[in-house]
Protein backbone atom coordinates (compact mmCIF):
# COMPACT_ATOMS: atom_id res chain seq x y z
CA UNK A 1 0.00 0.00 0.00
CA UNK A 2 2.73 2.43 1.00
CA UNK A 3 4.71 1.57 -2.12
CA UNK A 4 1.80 2.20 -4.47
CA UNK A 5 0.66 5.50 -2.95
CA UNK A 6 4.19 6.87 -2.56
CA UNK A 7 5.07 5.82 -6.11
CA UNK A 8 1.90 7.40 -7.50
CA UNK A 9 2.58 10.61 -5.57
CA UNK A 10 6.20 10.78 -6.77
CA UNK A 11 5.12 10.06 -10.35
CA UNK A 12 2.45 12.78 -10.19
CA UNK A 13 4.89 15.38 -8.91
CA UNK A 14 7.50 14.35 -11.49
CA UNK A 15 4.92 14.56 -14.29
CA UNK A 16 3.82 18.04 -13.19
CA UNK A 17 7.40 19.29 -13.10
CA UNK A 18 8.11 17.70 -16.49
CA UNK A 19 5.06 19.44 -17.96
CA UNK A 20 6.37 22.75 -16.64
CA UNK A 21 9.80 22.09 -18.16
CA UNK A 22 8.21 21.12 -21.49
CA UNK A 23 6.12 24.30 -21.49
CA UNK A 24 9.19 26.41 -20.76
CA UNK A 25 11.10 24.77 -23.62
CA UNK A 26 8.18 25.24 -26.00
CA UNK A 27 8.03 28.93 -25.08
CA UNK A 28 11.77 29.36 -25.71
CA UNK A 29 11.56 27.53 -29.04
CA UNK A 30 8.63 29.69 -30.21
CA UNK A 31 10.46 32.86 -29.17
CA UNK A 32 13.59 31.81 -31.08
CA UNK A 33 11.63 30.85 -34.20
CA UNK A 34 9.83 34.20 -34.20
CA UNK A 35 13.08 36.13 -33.74
CA UNK A 36 14.93 34.16 -36.39
CA UNK A 37 12.06 34.33 -38.87
CA UNK A 38 12.00 38.13 -38.52
CA UNK A 39 15.75 38.25 -39.10
CA UNK A 40 15.50 35.94 -42.13
CA UNK A 41 12.73 38.12 -43.48
CA UNK A 42 15.05 41.12 -43.24
CA UNK A 43 17.72 39.19 -45.12
CA UNK A 44 15.25 38.42 -47.93
CA UNK A 45 13.52 41.76 -48.21
CA UNK A 46 15.96 44.48 -47.28
CA UNK A 47 18.83 45.89 -49.26
CA UNK A 48 21.62 45.16 -46.79
CA UNK A 49 25.37 45.53 -46.94
CA UNK A 50 27.58 42.47 -46.54
CA UNK A 51 28.43 43.56 -42.98
CA UNK A 52 24.74 43.94 -42.10
CA UNK A 53 23.98 40.49 -43.56
CA UNK A 54 26.85 38.99 -41.59
CA UNK A 55 25.63 40.66 -38.39
CA UNK A 56 22.08 39.32 -38.93
CA UNK A 57 23.36 35.82 -39.64
CA UNK A 58 25.47 36.02 -36.48
CA UNK A 59 22.38 37.02 -34.47
CA UNK A 60 20.50 34.04 -35.89
CA UNK A 61 23.39 31.76 -34.94
CA UNK A 62 23.56 33.25 -31.44
CA UNK A 63 19.80 32.75 -31.02
CA UNK A 64 20.21 29.07 -31.92
CA UNK A 65 23.14 28.68 -29.53
CA UNK A 66 21.12 30.29 -26.72
CA UNK A 67 18.21 27.97 -27.47
CA UNK A 68 20.47 24.91 -27.32
CA UNK A 69 21.86 26.09 -23.97
CA UNK A 70 18.29 26.44 -22.69
CA UNK A 71 17.48 22.93 -23.97
CA UNK A 72 20.51 21.54 -22.16
CA UNK A 73 19.59 23.43 -18.97
CA UNK A 74 16.04 22.05 -19.02
CA UNK A 75 17.28 18.56 -19.90
CA UNK A 76 19.58 18.69 -16.88
CA UNK A 77 16.65 19.67 -14.64
CA UNK A 78 14.57 16.79 -16.05
CA UNK A 79 17.50 14.40 -15.56
CA UNK A 80 17.94 15.42 -11.92
CA UNK A 81 14.22 15.07 -11.33
CA UNK A 82 14.10 11.58 -12.84
CA UNK A 83 17.19 10.57 -10.90
CA UNK A 84 15.60 11.67 -7.61
CA UNK A 85 12.34 9.88 -8.42
CA UNK A 86 14.23 6.71 -9.36
CA UNK A 87 16.19 6.76 -6.12
CA UNK A 88 13.00 7.27 -4.11
CA UNK A 89 11.22 4.44 -5.89
CA UNK A 90 14.22 2.16 -5.38
CA UNK A 91 14.31 2.94 -1.66
CA UNK A 92 10.61 2.14 -1.34
CA UNK A 93 11.03 -1.11 -3.26
CA UNK A 94 14.05 -1.99 -1.11
CA UNK A 95 12.09 -1.54 2.09
CA UNK A 96 9.27 -3.66 0.73
CA UNK A 97 11.65 -6.38 -0.49
CA UNK A 98 13.51 -6.52 2.84
CA UNK A 99 10.27 -6.69 4.81
CA UNK A 100 8.91 -9.50 2.66
CA UNK A 101 12.20 -11.40 2.88
CA UNK A 102 12.14 -11.22 6.68
CA UNK A 103 8.48 -12.21 6.95
CA UNK A 104 8.94 -15.13 4.56
CA UNK A 105 11.56 -16.75 6.80
CA UNK A 106 10.85 -15.48 10.31
CA UNK A 107 8.11 -18.06 10.91
CA UNK A 108 10.49 -21.01 10.67
CA UNK A 109 10.99 -22.44 14.17
CA UNK A 110 14.27 -21.65 15.93
CA UNK A 111 16.35 -20.44 12.93
CA UNK A 112 13.63 -18.40 11.19
CA UNK A 113 14.33 -15.00 12.73
CA UNK A 114 18.05 -15.33 12.01
CA UNK A 115 17.38 -16.41 8.42
CA UNK A 116 14.84 -13.64 8.01
CA UNK A 117 17.31 -11.09 9.31
CA UNK A 118 20.00 -12.35 6.94
CA UNK A 119 17.59 -12.24 3.98
CA UNK A 120 16.46 -8.75 4.99
CA UNK A 121 20.05 -7.51 5.21
CA UNK A 122 20.79 -9.00 1.79
CA UNK A 123 17.75 -7.23 0.34
CA UNK A 124 18.86 -3.92 1.85
CA UNK A 125 22.38 -4.39 0.49
CA UNK A 126 21.02 -5.03 -3.00
CA UNK A 127 18.77 -1.97 -2.76
CA UNK A 128 21.61 0.27 -1.63
CA UNK A 129 23.75 -1.01 -4.50
CA UNK A 130 20.97 -0.06 -6.92
CA UNK A 131 20.64 3.40 -5.35
CA UNK A 132 24.40 3.94 -5.70
CA UNK A 133 24.24 2.93 -9.36
CA UNK A 134 21.42 5.42 -9.97
CA UNK A 135 23.26 8.14 -8.05
CA UNK A 136 26.42 7.54 -10.12
CA UNK A 137 24.60 8.18 -13.39
CA UNK A 138 25.88 11.40 -14.93
CA UNK A 139 24.13 13.87 -17.22
CA UNK A 140 25.59 14.39 -20.68
CA UNK A 141 24.19 17.41 -22.58
CA UNK A 142 23.75 15.35 -25.76
CA UNK A 143 20.97 13.53 -23.93
CA UNK A 144 22.87 10.30 -23.36
CA UNK A 145 23.14 9.16 -19.74
CA UNK A 146 26.23 7.21 -18.73
CA UNK A 147 27.57 5.65 -15.53
CA UNK A 148 30.93 6.77 -14.19
């Protein structure tokens, strides 16, 4: 029960934040397209010197570079969010797994509690290993996640 409600809550929060990030990116992309289209229109319709054309093309390039930086910034935020959610979900699953492991063996006469404790500790160790693997994942601006 705890696992399902906590997971649903974390997923809902993550989805809301992702929607906000997507909206922010969409806004930035629209703004850049509008700016660059106006600049391209000037290039087509105005009698400009070579220096003016070069300056306009440079502004278009700078707008695209700024947009890519914004994309990378928002992708990093989304990555950090997903990483945090994944760690939280793994911790919840670890607790559940350790509890079930203990309960499955604790009822055995005499040795059950010791076996259950050992199984529970093993489950926790596995869960912590998974959390460390998630935590070690690094963001790469190209959108490819790698482990270090």
